[in-house]
C-alpha atoms as a PDB file:
ATOM      1  CA  MET A   1       6.943  -7.116 -18.348  1.00  0.00           C
ATOM      2  CA  ASP A   2       4.027  -5.859 -16.322  1.00  0.00           C
ATOM      3  CA  TYR A   3       3.677  -2.919 -13.970  1.00  0.00           C
ATOM      4  CA  PHE A   4       3.537  -3.342 -10.206  1.00  0.00           C
ATOM      5  CA  ALA A   5       2.834  -0.791  -7.481  1.00  0.00           C
ATOM      6  CA  ILE A   6       5.042  -0.986  -4.423  1.00  0.00           C
ATOM      7  CA  VAL A   7       3.282   0.780  -1.555  1.00  0.00           C
ATOM      8  CA  SER A   8       5.324   1.204   1.616  1.00  0.00           C
ATOM      9  CA  PHE A   9       4.474   2.831   4.933  1.00  0.00           C
ATOM     10  CA  ASP A  10       7.044   4.367   7.268  1.00  0.00           C
ATOM     11  CA  VAL A  11       7.597   3.798  10.950  1.00  0.00           C
ATOM     12  CA  ALA A  12       6.613   6.748  13.169  1.00  0.00           C
ATOM     13  CA  ASP A  13      10.020   8.500  13.148  1.00  0.00           C
ATOM     14  CA  SER A  14      11.575   7.636   9.796  1.00  0.00           C
ATOM     15  CA  SER A  15      13.457  10.840   8.994  1.00  0.00           C
ATOM     16  CA  ASP A  16      16.916   9.721  10.182  1.00  0.00           C
ATOM     17  CA  GLY A  17      16.692   6.415   8.308  1.00  0.00           C
ATOM     18  CA  ARG A  18      15.492   8.182   5.174  1.00  0.00           C
ATOM     19  CA  LYS A  19      18.453  10.575   5.327  1.00  0.00           C
ATOM     20  CA  LYS A  20      20.921   7.695   5.677  1.00  0.00           C
ATOM     21  CA  ALA A  21      19.518   5.643   2.788  1.00  0.00           C
ATOM     22  CA  VAL A  22      18.134   8.237   0.363  1.00  0.00           C
ATOM     23  CA  ASP A  23      21.087   8.246  -2.059  1.00  0.00           C
ATOM     24  CA  GLU A  24      21.168   4.456  -2.396  1.00  0.00           C
ATOM     25  CA  HIS A  25      17.356   4.312  -2.611  1.00  0.00           C
ATOM     26  CA  ARG A  26      17.304   6.889  -5.420  1.00  0.00           C
ATOM     27  CA  ALA A  27      20.174   5.172  -7.248  1.00  0.00           C
ATOM     28  CA  ARG A  28      18.059   2.008  -7.515  1.00  0.00           C
ATOM     29  CA  LEU A  29      15.159   4.065  -8.883  1.00  0.00           C
ATOM     30  CA  GLU A  30      17.508   5.694 -11.377  1.00  0.00           C
ATOM     31  CA  GLU A  31      18.555   2.221 -12.586  1.00  0.00           C
ATOM     32  CA  LEU A  32      14.898   1.353 -13.217  1.00  0.00           C
ATOM     33  CA  ASP A  33      14.368   4.672 -14.985  1.00  0.00           C
ATOM     34  CA  GLN A  34      17.425   4.245 -17.211  1.00  0.00           C
ATOM     35  CA  ALA A  35      16.127   0.800 -18.173  1.00  0.00           C
ATOM     36  CA  GLY A  36      12.754   2.340 -19.142  1.00  0.00           C
ATOM     37  CA  ARG A  37      10.944   0.427 -16.385  1.00  0.00           C
ATOM     38  CA  LEU A  38      10.011   3.207 -13.940  1.00  0.00           C
ATOM     39  CA  LEU A  39       6.571   4.747 -14.410  1.00  0.00           C
ATOM     40  CA  THR A  40       6.628   6.945 -11.291  1.00  0.00           C
ATOM     41  CA  ALA A  41       7.960   7.052  -7.749  1.00  0.00           C
ATOM     42  CA  GLY A  42       7.687   9.376  -4.811  1.00  0.00           C
ATOM     43  CA  PRO A  43       7.031   9.859  -1.122  1.00  0.00           C
ATOM     44  CA  LEU A  44       3.663  10.208   0.566  1.00  0.00           C
ATOM     45  CA  PRO A  45       3.733  13.406   2.655  1.00  0.00           C
ATOM     46  CA  ARG A  46       2.647  13.098   6.257  1.00  0.00           C
ATOM     47  CA  GLU A  47      -0.694  14.679   7.206  1.00  0.00           C
ATOM     48  CA  ASP A  48      -2.000  15.923  10.533  1.00  0.00           C
ATOM     49  CA  ALA A  49      -5.403  15.003  11.986  1.00  0.00           C
ATOM     50  CA  TYR A  50      -7.014  17.726   9.854  1.00  0.00           C
ATOM     51  CA  GLY A  51      -5.557  16.554   6.548  1.00  0.00           C
ATOM     52  CA  LYS A  52      -2.950  19.327   6.396  1.00  0.00           C
ATOM     53  CA  VAL A  53       0.446  18.286   5.014  1.00  0.00           C
ATOM     54  CA  THR A  54       3.137  18.440   7.703  1.00  0.00           C
ATOM     55  CA  ASP A  55       6.867  17.768   7.827  1.00  0.00           C
ATOM     56  CA  GLY A  56       8.051  14.285   6.990  1.00  0.00           C
ATOM     57  CA  PHE A  57       6.675  11.357   5.065  1.00  0.00           C
ATOM     58  CA  GLN A  58       4.279   8.541   5.849  1.00  0.00           C
ATOM     59  CA  GLY A  59       5.461   6.246   3.079  1.00  0.00           C
ATOM     60  CA  SER A  60       6.324   5.847  -0.589  1.00  0.00           C
ATOM     61  CA  ILE A  61       4.875   4.592  -3.851  1.00  0.00           C
ATOM     62  CA  ILE A  62       6.908   3.117  -6.691  1.00  0.00           C
ATOM     63  CA  ILE A  63       5.286   1.938  -9.918  1.00  0.00           C
ATOM     64  CA  ALA A  64       7.664   0.029 -12.158  1.00  0.00           C
ATOM     65  CA  ALA A  65       7.807  -2.846 -14.622  1.00  0.00           C
ATOM     66  CA  PHE A  66       9.009  -6.275 -13.506  1.00  0.00           C
ATOM     67  CA  ASP A  67       8.901  -9.740 -15.056  1.00  0.00           C
ATOM     68  CA  SER A  68       6.646 -11.062 -12.294  1.00  0.00           C
ATOM     69  CA  LEU A  69       5.023 -10.295  -8.963  1.00  0.00           C
ATOM     70  CA  ASP A  70       7.753 -12.351  -7.269  1.00  0.00           C
ATOM     71  CA  ASP A  71      10.455 -10.249  -8.964  1.00  0.00           C
ATOM     72  CA  ALA A  72       8.754  -7.027  -7.836  1.00  0.00           C
ATOM     73  CA  ARG A  73       8.499  -8.338  -4.267  1.00  0.00           C
ATOM     74  CA  ALA A  74      12.151  -9.386  -4.272  1.00  0.00           C
ATOM     75  CA  TRP A  75      13.215  -5.948  -5.551  1.00  0.00           C
ATOM     76  CA  ALA A  76      11.110  -4.201  -2.889  1.00  0.00           C
ATOM     77  CA  LYS A  77      12.426  -6.427  -0.103  1.00  0.00           C
ATOM     78  CA  VAL A  78      16.015  -5.223  -0.552  1.00  0.00           C
ATOM     79  CA  ASP A  79      15.158  -1.516  -0.715  1.00  0.00           C
ATOM     80  CA  PRO A  80      17.751   0.435   1.302  1.00  0.00           C
ATOM     81  CA  TYR A  81      14.923   2.006   3.301  1.00  0.00           C
ATOM     82  CA  ASN A  82      14.100  -1.476   4.623  1.00  0.00           C
ATOM     83  CA  ALA A  83      17.698  -1.975   5.731  1.00  0.00           C
ATOM     84  CA  GLU A  84      17.545   1.321   7.661  1.00  0.00           C
ATOM     85  CA  GLY A  85      14.233   0.466   9.300  1.00  0.00           C
ATOM     86  CA  VAL A  86      12.291   3.216   7.490  1.00  0.00           C
ATOM     87  CA  TYR A  87       9.423   1.024   6.321  1.00  0.00           C
ATOM     88  CA  MET A  88       7.159  -0.829   8.720  1.00  0.00           C
ATOM     89  CA  GLU A  89       5.506  -2.600   5.785  1.00  0.00           C
ATOM     90  CA  SER A  90       5.618  -2.839   2.008  1.00  0.00           C
ATOM     91  CA  THR A  91       2.993  -4.407  -0.201  1.00  0.00           C
ATOM     92  CA  VAL A  92       3.273  -5.073  -3.923  1.00  0.00           C
ATOM     93  CA  TYR A  93       0.200  -4.962  -6.154  1.00  0.00           C
ATOM     94  CA  PRO A  94      -0.240  -5.674  -9.854  1.00  0.00           C
ATOM     95  CA  TYR A  95      -0.870  -2.361 -11.600  1.00  0.00           C
ATOM     96  CA  LYS A  96      -2.600  -1.711 -14.920  1.00  0.00           C
ATOM     97  CA  LYS A  97      -1.586   1.499 -16.669  1.00  0.00           C
ATOM     98  CA  VAL A  98      -4.622   2.932 -18.454  1.00  0.00           C
ATOM     99  CA  TYR A  99      -3.456   6.511 -19.117  1.00  0.00           C
END
């Protein structure tokens, strides 16, 4: 297995969708973690025009091990946040863990 980074960006007003899907979203991450495949995951806080962190999130990053890029993309595609319309886009990149 190799690591892949799933980088997703939220729609402008994603807070309601995040609230609806957060438990299911985190349960999927917990499954990866229990299988020893999750390196890290977390939201990207929203910033204002001056770079100050504000309320809400602008996206998420998940770095986890998958058998292939296609498998990582398929896993990302069915994220509960997608079903709730939280993400406007998600991109999956190969990731090389150095440290």
